[in-house]
Amino acid sequence: AMGKGDFTALISLMAEDGSVWLIGSTPMSGLHQGKEKIEALFAQVSQFFCNGIHFNIKHILAEGDAVIAEWEDWAIVANGKRYENNGVNVFVFNPEGKIQSFREYIDPEKVMKVM
């Protein structure tokens, strides 16, 4: 879904009171708490990455209620520039299997370079 710029699948996996935290000082960075703020964040993300994001997953580790994924990605963003980055996502799941916490660690300068 994210490869096509559709973030609704990810939003549907989030807990109602879940949170997303993005590293850095980009317009999308910071803590986004609750489904409404997460939906607003991913609306902004989907506009920027309107052509989708392509991922190459390097590693996935899981222990207890946490999953950590290391990846590299690329995209052609809304303004036509090519974006490339690599990073790590940390997902923590609640007892119902929904994502309670999603943290993303990337190089925010690479995001700013293509904005």
PDB file of N, CA and C in Angstrom:
ATOM      1  N   ALA A   1       0.824  -1.205   0.000  1.00  0.00           N
ATOM      2  CA  ALA A   1       0.000   0.000   0.000  1.00  0.00           C
ATOM      3  C   ALA A   1       0.863   1.262   0.000  1.00  0.00           C
ATOM      4  N   MET A   2       1.902   1.280   0.846  1.00  0.00           N
ATOM      5  CA  MET A   2       2.757   2.469   0.898  1.00  0.00           C
ATOM      6  C   MET A   2       3.519   2.647  -0.407  1.00  0.00           C
ATOM      7  N   GLY A   3       3.767   1.567  -1.115  1.00  0.00           N
ATOM      8  CA  GLY A   3       4.423   1.646  -2.404  1.00  0.00           C
ATOM      9  C   GLY A   3       3.598   2.385  -3.440  1.00  0.00           C
ATOM     10  N   LYS A   4       2.298   2.523  -3.168  1.00  0.00           N
ATOM     11  CA  LYS A   4       1.398   3.243  -4.064  1.00  0.00           C
ATOM     12  C   LYS A   4       0.946   4.574  -3.456  1.00  0.00           C
ATOM     13  N   GLY A   5       1.520   4.954  -2.325  1.00  0.00           N
ATOM     14  CA  GLY A   5       1.138   6.210  -1.679  1.00  0.00           C
ATOM     15  C   GLY A   5      -0.114   6.102  -0.837  1.00  0.00           C
ATOM     16  N   ASP A   6      -0.551   4.876  -0.520  1.00  0.00           N
ATOM     17  CA  ASP A   6      -1.760   4.643   0.272  1.00  0.00           C
ATOM     18  C   ASP A   6      -1.367   4.263   1.696  1.00  0.00           C
ATOM     19  N   PHE A   7      -1.617   5.181   2.619  1.00  0.00           N
ATOM     20  CA  PHE A   7      -1.229   4.960   4.005  1.00  0.00           C
ATOM     21  C   PHE A   7      -2.407   4.516   4.873  1.00  0.00           C
ATOM     22  N   THR A   8      -3.569   4.271   4.255  1.00  0.00           N
ATOM     23  CA  THR A   8      -4.750   3.885   5.035  1.00  0.00           C
ATOM     24  C   THR A   8      -4.548   2.539   5.723  1.00  0.00           C
ATOM     25  N   ALA A   9      -3.814   1.626   5.077  1.00  0.00           N
ATOM     26  CA  ALA A   9      -3.571   0.318   5.700  1.00  0.00           C
ATOM     27  C   ALA A   9      -2.771   0.486   6.991  1.00  0.00           C
ATOM     28  N   LEU A  10      -1.745   1.331   6.959  1.00  0.00           N
ATOM     29  CA  LEU A  10      -0.949   1.569   8.168  1.00  0.00           C
ATOM     30  C   LEU A  10      -1.797   2.228   9.253  1.00  0.00           C
ATOM     31  N   ILE A  11      -2.603   3.200   8.876  1.00  0.00           N
ATOM     32  CA  ILE A  11      -3.471   3.878   9.850  1.00  0.00           C
ATOM     33  C   ILE A  11      -4.424   2.879  10.495  1.00  0.00           C
ATOM     34  N   SER A  12      -4.946   1.930   9.713  1.00  0.00           N
ATOM     35  CA  SER A  12      -5.894   0.952  10.253  1.00  0.00           C
ATOM     36  C   SER A  12      -5.244   0.029  11.276  1.00  0.00           C
ATOM     37  N   LEU A  13      -3.928  -0.092  11.248  1.00  0.00           N
ATOM     38  CA  LEU A  13      -3.209  -0.935  12.203  1.00  0.00           C
ATOM     39  C   LEU A  13      -2.884  -0.215  13.510  1.00  0.00           C
ATOM     40  N   MET A  14      -3.123   1.101  13.555  1.00  0.00           N
ATOM     41  CA  MET A  14      -2.774   1.892  14.736  1.00  0.00           C
ATOM     42  C   MET A  14      -3.862   1.803  15.808  1.00  0.00           C
ATOM     43  N   ALA A  15      -3.437   1.779  17.068  1.00  0.00           N
ATOM     44  CA  ALA A  15      -4.378   1.855  18.201  1.00  0.00           C
ATOM     45  C   ALA A  15      -5.014   3.242  18.216  1.00  0.00           C
ATOM     46  N   GLU A  16      -6.235   3.322  18.714  1.00  0.00           N
ATOM     47  CA  GLU A  16      -6.942   4.613  18.784  1.00  0.00           C
ATOM     48  C   GLU A  16      -6.130   5.669  19.527  1.00  0.00           C
ATOM     49  N   ASP A  17      -5.459   5.258  20.598  1.00  0.00           N
ATOM     50  CA  ASP A  17      -4.657   6.196  21.398  1.00  0.00           C
ATOM     51  C   ASP A  17      -3.163   6.045  21.100  1.00  0.00           C
ATOM     52  N   GLY A  18      -2.858   5.473  19.932  1.00  0.00           N
ATOM     53  CA  GLY A  18      -1.464   5.239  19.554  1.00  0.00           C
ATOM     54  C   GLY A  18      -0.709   6.519  19.260  1.00  0.00           C
ATOM     55  N   SER A  19       0.584   6.351  19.008  1.00  0.00           N
ATOM     56  CA  SER A  19       1.413   7.509  18.709  1.00  0.00           C
ATOM     57  C   SER A  19       2.408   7.188  17.605  1.00  0.00           C
ATOM     58  N   VAL A  20       2.754   8.241  16.860  1.00  0.00           N
ATOM     59  CA  VAL A  20       3.806   8.173  15.856  1.00  0.00           C
ATOM     60  C   VAL A  20       4.780   9.288  16.177  1.00  0.00           C
ATOM     61  N   TRP A  21       6.059   8.959  16.215  1.00  0.00           N
ATOM     62  CA  TRP A  21       7.101   9.952  16.454  1.00  0.00           C
ATOM     63  C   TRP A  21       8.108   9.870  15.323  1.00  0.00           C
ATOM     64  N   LEU A  22       8.367  11.023  14.700  1.00  0.00           N
ATOM     65  CA  LEU A  22       9.329  11.107  13.607  1.00  0.00           C
ATOM     66  C   LEU A  22      10.471  12.018  14.031  1.00  0.00           C
ATOM     67  N   ILE A  23      11.686  11.556  13.869  1.00  0.00           N
ATOM     68  CA  ILE A  23      12.874  12.287  14.266  1.00  0.00           C
ATOM     69  C   ILE A  23      13.051  13.553  13.424  1.00  0.00           C
ATOM     70  N   GLY A  24      13.729  14.537  13.971  1.00  0.00           N
ATOM     71  CA  GLY A  24      14.169  15.684  13.195  1.00  0.00           C
ATOM     72  C   GLY A  24      13.339  16.936  13.362  1.00  0.00           C
ATOM     73  N   SER A  25      13.537  17.853  12.415  1.00  0.00           N
ATOM     74  CA  SER A  25      12.863  19.150  12.461  1.00  0.00           C
ATOM     75  C   SER A  25      12.147  19.444  11.145  1.00  0.00           C
ATOM     76  N   THR A  26      11.693  18.390  10.467  1.00  0.00           N
ATOM     77  CA  THR A  26      10.907  18.582   9.255  1.00  0.00           C
ATOM     78  C   THR A  26       9.492  18.985   9.654  1.00  0.00           C
ATOM     79  N   PRO A  27       8.692  19.459   8.697  1.00  0.00           N
ATOM     80  CA  PRO A  27       7.296  19.794   9.032  1.00  0.00           C
ATOM     81  C   PRO A  27       6.501  18.601   9.565  1.00  0.00           C
ATOM     82  N   MET A  28       6.965  17.389   9.287  1.00  0.00           N
ATOM     83  CA  MET A  28       6.251  16.192   9.741  1.00  0.00           C
ATOM     84  C   MET A  28       6.824  15.616  11.027  1.00  0.00           C
ATOM     85  N   SER A  29       7.942  16.147  11.511  1.00  0.00           N
ATOM     86  CA  SER A  29       8.625  15.600  12.693  1.00  0.00           C
ATOM     87  C   SER A  29       7.846  15.846  13.975  1.00  0.00           C
ATOM     88  N   GLY A  30       8.194  15.087  14.992  1.00  0.00           N
ATOM     89  CA  GLY A  30       7.609  15.266  16.306  1.00  0.00           C
ATOM     90  C   GLY A  30       6.659  14.142  16.671  1.00  0.00           C
ATOM     91  N   LEU A  31       5.973  14.341  17.797  1.00  0.00           N
ATOM     92  CA  LEU A  31       5.034  13.352  18.320  1.00  0.00           C
ATOM     93  C   LEU A  31       3.630  13.643  17.819  1.00  0.00           C
ATOM     94  N   HIS A  32       2.984  12.618  17.300  1.00  0.00           N
ATOM     95  CA  HIS A  32       1.601  12.699  16.818  1.00  0.00           C
ATOM     96  C   HIS A  32       0.824  11.663  17.618  1.00  0.00           C
ATOM     97  N   GLN A  33       0.010  12.124  18.553  1.00  0.00           N
ATOM     98  CA  GLN A  33      -0.682  11.251  19.510  1.00  0.00           C
ATOM     99  C   GLN A  33      -2.157  11.170  19.180  1.00  0.00           C
ATOM    100  N   GLY A  34      -2.688   9.951  19.084  1.00  0.00           N
ATOM    101  CA  GLY A  34      -4.109   9.731  18.820  1.00  0.00           C
ATOM    102  C   GLY A  34      -4.395   9.576  17.335  1.00  0.00           C
ATOM    103  N   LYS A  35      -5.436   8.837  17.044  1.00  0.00           N
ATOM    104  CA  LYS A  35      -5.771   8.470  15.660  1.00  0.00           C
ATOM    105  C   LYS A  35      -6.003   9.698  14.772  1.00  0.00           C
ATOM    106  N   GLU A  36      -6.654  10.721  15.296  1.00  0.00           N
ATOM    107  CA  GLU A  36      -6.953  11.908  14.494  1.00  0.00           C
ATOM    108  C   GLU A  36      -5.663  12.613  14.050  1.00  0.00           C
ATOM    109  N   LYS A  37      -4.723  12.772  14.960  1.00  0.00           N
ATOM    110  CA  LYS A  37      -3.456  13.424  14.611  1.00  0.00           C
ATOM    111  C   LYS A  37      -2.608  12.540  13.700  1.00  0.00           C
ATOM    112  N   ILE A  38      -2.692  11.229  13.909  1.00  0.00           N
ATOM    113  CA  ILE A  38      -1.956  10.296  13.050  1.00  0.00           C
ATOM    114  C   ILE A  38      -2.532  10.337  11.633  1.00  0.00           C
ATOM    115  N   GLU A  39      -3.854  10.394  11.514  1.00  0.00           N
ATOM    116  CA  GLU A  39      -4.478  10.495  10.193  1.00  0.00           C
ATOM    117  C   GLU A  39      -4.057  11.784   9.495  1.00  0.00           C
ATOM    118  N   ALA A  40      -3.999  12.891  10.235  1.00  0.00           N
ATOM    119  CA  ALA A  40      -3.563  14.167   9.661  1.00  0.00           C
ATOM    120  C   ALA A  40      -2.103  14.092   9.210  1.00  0.00           C
ATOM    121  N   LEU A  41      -1.264  13.455  10.011  1.00  0.00           N
ATOM    122  CA  LEU A  41       0.142  13.283   9.642  1.00  0.00           C
ATOM    123  C   LEU A  41       0.258  12.494   8.343  1.00  0.00           C
ATOM    124  N   PHE A  42      -0.415  11.347   8.266  1.00  0.00           N
ATOM    125  CA  PHE A  42      -0.280  10.513   7.083  1.00  0.00           C
ATOM    126  C   PHE A  42      -0.954  11.122   5.860  1.00  0.00           C
ATOM    127  N   ALA A  43      -1.916  12.025   6.045  1.00  0.00           N
ATOM    128  CA  ALA A  43      -2.459  12.772   4.907  1.00  0.00           C
ATOM    129  C   ALA A  43      -1.363  13.669   4.336  1.00  0.00           C
ATOM    130  N   GLN A  44      -0.598  14.303   5.211  1.00  0.00           N
ATOM    131  CA  GLN A  44       0.516  15.154   4.794  1.00  0.00           C
ATOM    132  C   GLN A  44       1.614  14.308   4.131  1.00  0.00           C
ATOM    133  N   VAL A  45       1.943  13.177   4.740  1.00  0.00           N
ATOM    134  CA  VAL A  45       2.967  12.289   4.199  1.00  0.00           C
ATOM    135  C   VAL A  45       2.548  11.781   2.822  1.00  0.00           C
ATOM    136  N   SER A  46       1.270  11.398   2.663  1.00  0.00           N
ATOM    137  CA  SER A  46       0.823  10.841   1.387  1.00  0.00           C
ATOM    138  C   SER A  46       0.810  11.899   0.283  1.00  0.00           C
ATOM    139  N   GLN A  47       0.616  13.171   0.635  1.00  0.00           N
ATOM    140  CA  GLN A  47       0.712  14.234  -0.371  1.00  0.00           C
ATOM    141  C   GLN A  47       2.153  14.399  -0.836  1.00  0.00           C
ATOM    142  N   PHE A  48       3.089  14.350   0.110  1.00  0.00           N
ATOM    143  CA  PHE A  48       4.507  14.511  -0.211  1.00  0.00           C
ATOM    144  C   PHE A  48       5.014  13.316  -1.017  1.00  0.00           C
ATOM    145  N   PHE A  49       4.652  12.113  -0.569  1.00  0.00           N
ATOM    146  CA  PHE A  49       5.070  10.871  -1.241  1.00  0.00           C
ATOM    147  C   PHE A  49       3.922  10.356  -2.117  1.00  0.00           C
ATOM    148  N   CYS A  50       3.363  11.220  -2.944  1.00  0.00           N
ATOM    149  CA  CYS A  50       2.170  10.880  -3.732  1.00  0.00           C
ATOM    150  C   CYS A  50       2.413   9.771  -4.751  1.00  0.00           C
ATOM    151  N   ASN A  51       3.671   9.523  -5.088  1.00  0.00           N
ATOM    152  CA  ASN A  51       4.012   8.449  -6.024  1.00  0.00           C
ATOM    153  C   ASN A  51       4.397   7.164  -5.306  1.00  0.00           C
ATOM    154  N   GLY A  52       4.209   7.127  -3.999  1.00  0.00           N
ATOM    155  CA  GLY A  52       4.546   5.955  -3.209  1.00  0.00           C
ATOM    156  C   GLY A  52       5.982   5.974  -2.722  1.00  0.00           C
ATOM    157  N   ILE A  53       6.296   5.050  -1.839  1.00  0.00           N
ATOM    158  CA  ILE A  53       7.638   4.882  -1.291  1.00  0.00           C
ATOM    159  C   ILE A  53       8.020   3.418  -1.521  1.00  0.00           C
ATOM    160  N   HIS A  54       9.203   3.211  -2.029  1.00  0.00           N
ATOM    161  CA  HIS A  54       9.683   1.858  -2.308  1.00  0.00           C
ATOM    162  C   HIS A  54      10.717   1.481  -1.255  1.00  0.00           C
ATOM    163  N   PHE A  55      10.499   0.350  -0.588  1.00  0.00           N
ATOM    164  CA  PHE A  55      11.348  -0.083   0.515  1.00  0.00           C
ATOM    165  C   PHE A  55      12.158  -1.316   0.164  1.00  0.00           C
ATOM    166  N   ASN A  56      13.357  -1.357   0.686  1.00  0.00           N
ATOM    167  CA  ASN A  56      14.182  -2.560   0.685  1.00  0.00           C
ATOM    168  C   ASN A  56      14.455  -2.866   2.160  1.00  0.00           C
ATOM    169  N   ILE A  57      13.789  -3.870   2.680  1.00  0.00           N
ATOM    170  CA  ILE A  57      13.926  -4.229   4.089  1.00  0.00           C
ATOM    171  C   ILE A  57      15.238  -4.979   4.280  1.00  0.00           C
ATOM    172  N   LYS A  58      16.066  -4.501   5.204  1.00  0.00           N
ATOM    173  CA  LYS A  58      17.365  -5.118   5.478  1.00  0.00           C
ATOM    174  C   LYS A  58      17.273  -6.139   6.608  1.00  0.00           C
ATOM    175  N   HIS A  59      16.599  -5.771   7.688  1.00  0.00           N
ATOM    176  CA  HIS A  59      16.468  -6.654   8.859  1.00  0.00           C
ATOM    177  C   HIS A  59      15.139  -6.388   9.551  1.00  0.00           C
ATOM    178  N   ILE A  60      14.593  -7.426  10.129  1.00  0.00           N
ATOM    179  CA  ILE A  60      13.432  -7.305  11.010  1.00  0.00           C
ATOM    180  C   ILE A  60      13.729  -8.137  12.244  1.00  0.00           C
ATOM    181  N   LEU A  61      13.601  -7.516  13.393  1.00  0.00           N
ATOM    182  CA  LEU A  61      13.812  -8.192  14.672  1.00  0.00           C
ATOM    183  C   LEU A  61      12.554  -8.036  15.514  1.00  0.00           C
ATOM    184  N   ALA A  62      12.164  -9.089  16.194  1.00  0.00           N
ATOM    185  CA  ALA A  62      10.981  -9.036  17.041  1.00  0.00           C
ATOM    186  C   ALA A  62      11.289  -9.665  18.385  1.00  0.00           C
ATOM    187  N   GLU A  63      10.806  -9.017  19.431  1.00  0.00           N
ATOM    188  CA  GLU A  63      10.925  -9.565  20.777  1.00  0.00           C
ATOM    189  C   GLU A  63       9.790  -9.006  21.617  1.00  0.00           C
ATOM    190  N   GLY A  64       9.042  -9.893  22.234  1.00  0.00           N
ATOM    191  CA  GLY A  64       7.924  -9.458  23.065  1.00  0.00           C
ATOM    192  C   GLY A  64       6.911  -8.690  22.232  1.00  0.00           C
ATOM    193  N   ASP A  65       6.595  -7.469  22.647  1.00  0.00           N
ATOM    194  CA  ASP A  65       5.607  -6.663  21.941  1.00  0.00           C
ATOM    195  C   ASP A  65       6.229  -5.680  20.953  1.00  0.00           C
ATOM    196  N   ALA A  66       7.541  -5.801  20.691  1.00  0.00           N
ATOM    197  CA  ALA A  66       8.238  -4.854  19.823  1.00  0.00           C
ATOM    198  C   ALA A  66       8.770  -5.513  18.555  1.00  0.00           C
ATOM    199  N   VAL A  67       8.715  -4.750  17.468  1.00  0.00           N
ATOM    200  CA  VAL A  67       9.304  -5.144  16.192  1.00  0.00           C
ATOM    201  C   VAL A  67      10.156  -3.984  15.706  1.00  0.00           C
ATOM    202  N   ILE A  68      11.367  -4.292  15.281  1.00  0.00           N
ATOM    203  CA  ILE A  68      12.287  -3.280  14.765  1.00  0.00           C
ATOM    204  C   ILE A  68      12.626  -3.654  13.333  1.00  0.00           C
ATOM    205  N   ALA A  69      12.498  -2.686  12.426  1.00  0.00           N
ATOM    206  CA  ALA A  69      12.794  -2.915  11.015  1.00  0.00           C
ATOM    207  C   ALA A  69      13.852  -1.915  10.550  1.00  0.00           C
ATOM    208  N   GLU A  70      14.903  -2.435   9.918  1.00  0.00           N
ATOM    209  CA  GLU A  70      15.910  -1.576   9.286  1.00  0.00           C
ATOM    210  C   GLU A  70      15.657  -1.637   7.785  1.00  0.00           C
ATOM    211  N   TRP A  71      15.719  -0.489   7.110  1.00  0.00           N
ATOM    212  CA  TRP A  71      15.358  -0.437   5.705  1.00  0.00           C
ATOM    213  C   TRP A  71      16.103   0.673   4.982  1.00  0.00           C
ATOM    214  N   GLU A  72      16.033   0.615   3.659  1.00  0.00           N
ATOM    215  CA  GLU A  72      16.397   1.744   2.815  1.00  0.00           C
ATOM    216  C   GLU A  72      15.207   1.979   1.901  1.00  0.00           C
ATOM    217  N   ASP A  73      15.001   3.240   1.509  1.00  0.00           N
ATOM    218  CA  ASP A  73      13.845   3.540   0.672  1.00  0.00           C
ATOM    219  C   ASP A  73      14.192   4.585  -0.372  1.00  0.00           C
ATOM    220  N   TRP A  74      13.300   4.705  -1.354  1.00  0.00           N
ATOM    221  CA  TRP A  74      13.414   5.752  -2.356  1.00  0.00           C
ATOM    222  C   TRP A  74      12.021   6.091  -2.855  1.00  0.00           C
ATOM    223  N   ALA A  75      11.911   7.306  -3.384  1.00  0.00           N
ATOM    224  CA  ALA A  75      10.634   7.767  -3.920  1.00  0.00           C
ATOM    225  C   ALA A  75      10.880   8.950  -4.845  1.00  0.00           C
ATOM    226  N   ILE A  76       9.940   9.191  -5.717  1.00  0.00           N
ATOM    227  CA  ILE A  76       9.869  10.453  -6.454  1.00  0.00           C
ATOM    228  C   ILE A  76       8.761  11.239  -5.755  1.00  0.00           C
ATOM    229  N   VAL A  77       9.141  12.350  -5.123  1.00  0.00           N
ATOM    230  CA  VAL A  77       8.187  13.111  -4.306  1.00  0.00           C
ATOM    231  C   VAL A  77       7.353  14.045  -5.184  1.00  0.00           C
ATOM    232  N   ALA A  78       6.407  14.724  -4.564  1.00  0.00           N
ATOM    233  CA  ALA A  78       5.425  15.539  -5.281  1.00  0.00           C
ATOM    234  C   ALA A  78       6.054  16.579  -6.211  1.00  0.00           C
ATOM    235  N   ASN A  79       7.199  17.115  -5.840  1.00  0.00           N
ATOM    236  CA  ASN A  79       7.834  18.133  -6.691  1.00  0.00           C
ATOM    237  C   ASN A  79       8.730  17.531  -7.774  1.00  0.00           C
ATOM    238  N   GLY A  80       8.739  16.197  -7.898  1.00  0.00           N
ATOM    239  CA  GLY A  80       9.494  15.533  -8.942  1.00  0.00           C
ATOM    240  C   GLY A  80      10.917  15.159  -8.574  1.00  0.00           C
ATOM    241  N   LYS A  81      11.359  15.541  -7.372  1.00  0.00           N
ATOM    242  CA  LYS A  81      12.723  15.217  -6.944  1.00  0.00           C
ATOM    243  C   LYS A  81      12.795  13.774  -6.452  1.00  0.00           C
ATOM    244  N   ARG A  82      13.978  13.176  -6.616  1.00  0.00           N
ATOM    245  CA  ARG A  82      14.202  11.814  -6.124  1.00  0.00           C
ATOM    246  C   ARG A  82      14.657  11.884  -4.666  1.00  0.00           C
ATOM    247  N   TYR A  83      14.000  11.097  -3.837  1.00  0.00           N
ATOM    248  CA  TYR A  83      14.299  10.999  -2.405  1.00  0.00           C
ATOM    249  C   TYR A  83      14.874   9.616  -2.136  1.00  0.00           C
ATOM    250  N   GLU A  84      15.947   9.571  -1.352  1.00  0.00           N
ATOM    251  CA  GLU A  84      16.514   8.304  -0.885  1.00  0.00           C
ATOM    252  C   GLU A  84      16.901   8.474   0.575  1.00  0.00           C
ATOM    253  N   ASN A  85      16.676   7.440   1.351  1.00  0.00           N
ATOM    254  CA  ASN A  85      17.037   7.492   2.766  1.00  0.00           C
ATOM    255  C   ASN A  85      17.189   6.059   3.270  1.00  0.00           C
ATOM    256  N   ASN A  86      17.641   5.927   4.485  1.00  0.00           N
ATOM    257  CA  ASN A  86      17.616   4.646   5.180  1.00  0.00           C
ATOM    258  C   ASN A  86      17.284   4.938   6.620  1.00  0.00           C
ATOM    259  N   GLY A  87      16.783   3.933   7.293  1.00  0.00           N
ATOM    260  CA  GLY A  87      16.372   4.192   8.658  1.00  0.00           C
ATOM    261  C   GLY A  87      15.957   2.938   9.395  1.00  0.00           C
ATOM    262  N   VAL A  88      15.429   3.199  10.571  1.00  0.00           N
ATOM    263  CA  VAL A  88      14.952   2.144  11.459  1.00  0.00           C
ATOM    264  C   VAL A  88      13.601   2.582  12.000  1.00  0.00           C
ATOM    265  N   ASN A  89      12.655   1.660  11.989  1.00  0.00           N
ATOM    266  CA  ASN A  89      11.349   1.879  12.614  1.00  0.00           C
ATOM    267  C   ASN A  89      11.231   0.948  13.807  1.00  0.00           C
ATOM    268  N   VAL A  90      10.657   1.469  14.876  1.00  0.00           N
ATOM    269  CA  VAL A  90      10.377   0.672  16.069  1.00  0.00           C
ATOM    270  C   VAL A  90       8.869   0.690  16.274  1.00  0.00           C
ATOM    271  N   PHE A  91       8.274  -0.493  16.249  1.00  0.00           N
ATOM    272  CA  PHE A  91       6.835  -0.647  16.469  1.00  0.00           C
ATOM    273  C   PHE A  91       6.625  -1.370  17.794  1.00  0.00           C
ATOM    274  N   VAL A  92       5.745  -0.840  18.628  1.00  0.00           N
ATOM    275  CA  VAL A  92       5.346  -1.517  19.864  1.00  0.00           C
ATOM    276  C   VAL A  92       3.847  -1.782  19.755  1.00  0.00           C
ATOM    277  N   PHE A  93       3.467  -3.040  19.969  1.00  0.00           N
ATOM    278  CA  PHE A  93       2.084  -3.468  19.811  1.00  0.00           C
ATOM    279  C   PHE A  93       1.386  -3.585  21.155  1.00  0.00           C
ATOM    280  N   ASN A  94       0.088  -3.282  21.172  1.00  0.00           N
ATOM    281  CA  ASN A  94      -0.707  -3.459  22.386  1.00  0.00           C
ATOM    282  C   ASN A  94      -1.249  -4.887  22.431  1.00  0.00           C
ATOM    283  N   PRO A  95      -1.921  -5.281  23.521  1.00  0.00           N
ATOM    284  CA  PRO A  95      -2.427  -6.662  23.631  1.00  0.00           C
ATOM    285  C   PRO A  95      -3.441  -7.054  22.550  1.00  0.00           C
ATOM    286  N   GLU A  96      -4.093  -6.061  21.925  1.00  0.00           N
ATOM    287  CA  GLU A  96      -5.058  -6.348  20.860  1.00  0.00           C
ATOM    288  C   GLU A  96      -4.379  -6.520  19.503  1.00  0.00           C
ATOM    289  N   GLY A  97      -3.052  -6.350  19.448  1.00  0.00           N
ATOM    290  CA  GLY A  97      -2.324  -6.506  18.190  1.00  0.00           C
ATOM    291  C   GLY A  97      -2.230  -5.247  17.354  1.00  0.00           C
ATOM    292  N   LYS A  98      -2.688  -4.122  17.886  1.00  0.00           N
ATOM    293  CA  LYS A  98      -2.597  -2.836  17.186  1.00  0.00           C
ATOM    294  C   LYS A  98      -1.272  -2.158  17.536  1.00  0.00           C
ATOM    295  N   ILE A  99      -0.811  -1.284  16.649  1.00  0.00           N
ATOM    296  CA  ILE A  99       0.423  -0.535  16.899  1.00  0.00           C
ATOM    297  C   ILE A  99       0.128   0.561  17.917  1.00  0.00           C
ATOM    298  N   GLN A 100       0.760   0.442  19.077  1.00  0.00           N
ATOM    299  CA  GLN A 100       0.596   1.439  20.128  1.00  0.00           C
ATOM    300  C   GLN A 100       1.575   2.598  19.927  1.00  0.00           C
ATOM    301  N   SER A 101       2.757   2.266  19.456  1.00  0.00           N
ATOM    302  CA  SER A 101       3.812   3.266  19.290  1.00  0.00           C
ATOM    303  C   SER A 101       4.615   2.939  18.037  1.00  0.00           C
ATOM    304  N   PHE A 102       4.847   3.958  17.226  1.00  0.00           N
ATOM    305  CA  PHE A 102       5.622   3.822  15.997  1.00  0.00           C
ATOM    306  C   PHE A 102       6.639   4.956  16.000  1.00  0.00           C
ATOM    307  N   ARG A 103       7.918   4.615  16.039  1.00  0.00           N
ATOM    308  CA  ARG A 103       8.988   5.615  16.033  1.00  0.00           C
ATOM    309  C   ARG A 103       9.854   5.391  14.812  1.00  0.00           C
ATOM    310  N   GLU A 104      10.194   6.488  14.135  1.00  0.00           N
ATOM    311  CA  GLU A 104      11.001   6.375  12.921  1.00  0.00           C
ATOM    312  C   GLU A 104      12.283   7.192  13.078  1.00  0.00           C
ATOM    313  N   TYR A 105      13.396   6.524  12.813  1.00  0.00           N
ATOM    314  CA  TYR A 105      14.720   7.135  12.898  1.00  0.00           C
ATOM    315  C   TYR A 105      15.319   7.159  11.501  1.00  0.00           C
ATOM    316  N   ILE A 106      15.442   8.363  10.932  1.00  0.00           N
ATOM    317  CA  ILE A 106      15.981   8.541   9.585  1.00  0.00           C
ATOM    318  C   ILE A 106      16.953   9.718   9.600  1.00  0.00           C
ATOM    319  N   ASP A 107      17.507  10.032   8.449  1.00  0.00           N
ATOM    320  CA  ASP A 107      18.308  11.245   8.287  1.00  0.00           C
ATOM    321  C   ASP A 107      17.366  12.340   7.809  1.00  0.00           C
ATOM    322  N   PRO A 108      16.923  13.250   8.703  1.00  0.00           N
ATOM    323  CA  PRO A 108      15.942  14.263   8.305  1.00  0.00           C
ATOM    324  C   PRO A 108      16.474  15.263   7.282  1.00  0.00           C
ATOM    325  N   GLU A 109      17.788  15.422   7.196  1.00  0.00           N
ATOM    326  CA  GLU A 109      18.351  16.339   6.187  1.00  0.00           C
ATOM    327  C   GLU A 109      18.040  15.852   4.777  1.00  0.00           C
ATOM    328  N   LYS A 110      17.955  14.536   4.601  1.00  0.00           N
ATOM    329  CA  LYS A 110      17.616  13.998   3.278  1.00  0.00           C
ATOM    330  C   LYS A 110      16.170  14.330   2.913  1.00  0.00           C
ATOM    331  N   VAL A 111      15.297  14.418   3.904  1.00  0.00           N
ATOM    332  CA  VAL A 111      13.914  14.830   3.655  1.00  0.00           C
ATOM    333  C   VAL A 111      13.896  16.312   3.274  1.00  0.00           C
ATOM    334  N   MET A 112      14.587  17.127   4.055  1.00  0.00           N
ATOM    335  CA  MET A 112      14.596  18.573   3.812  1.00  0.00           C
ATOM    336  C   MET A 112      15.198  18.915   2.450  1.00  0.00           C
ATOM    337  N   LYS A 113      16.147  18.127   1.998  1.00  0.00           N
ATOM    338  CA  LYS A 113      16.821  18.389   0.718  1.00  0.00           C
ATOM    339  C   LYS A 113      15.843  18.326  -0.458  1.00  0.00           C
ATOM    340  N   VAL A 114      14.809  17.512  -0.351  1.00  0.00           N
ATOM    341  CA  VAL A 114      13.871  17.353  -1.463  1.00  0.00           C
ATOM    342  C   VAL A 114      12.548  18.093  -1.260  1.00  0.00           C
ATOM    343  N   MET A 115      12.424  18.815  -0.164  1.00  0.00           N
ATOM    344  CA  MET A 115      11.170  19.565   0.075  1.00  0.00           C
ATOM    345  C   MET A 115      11.158  20.853  -0.724  1.00  0.00           C
TER     346      MET A 115
END
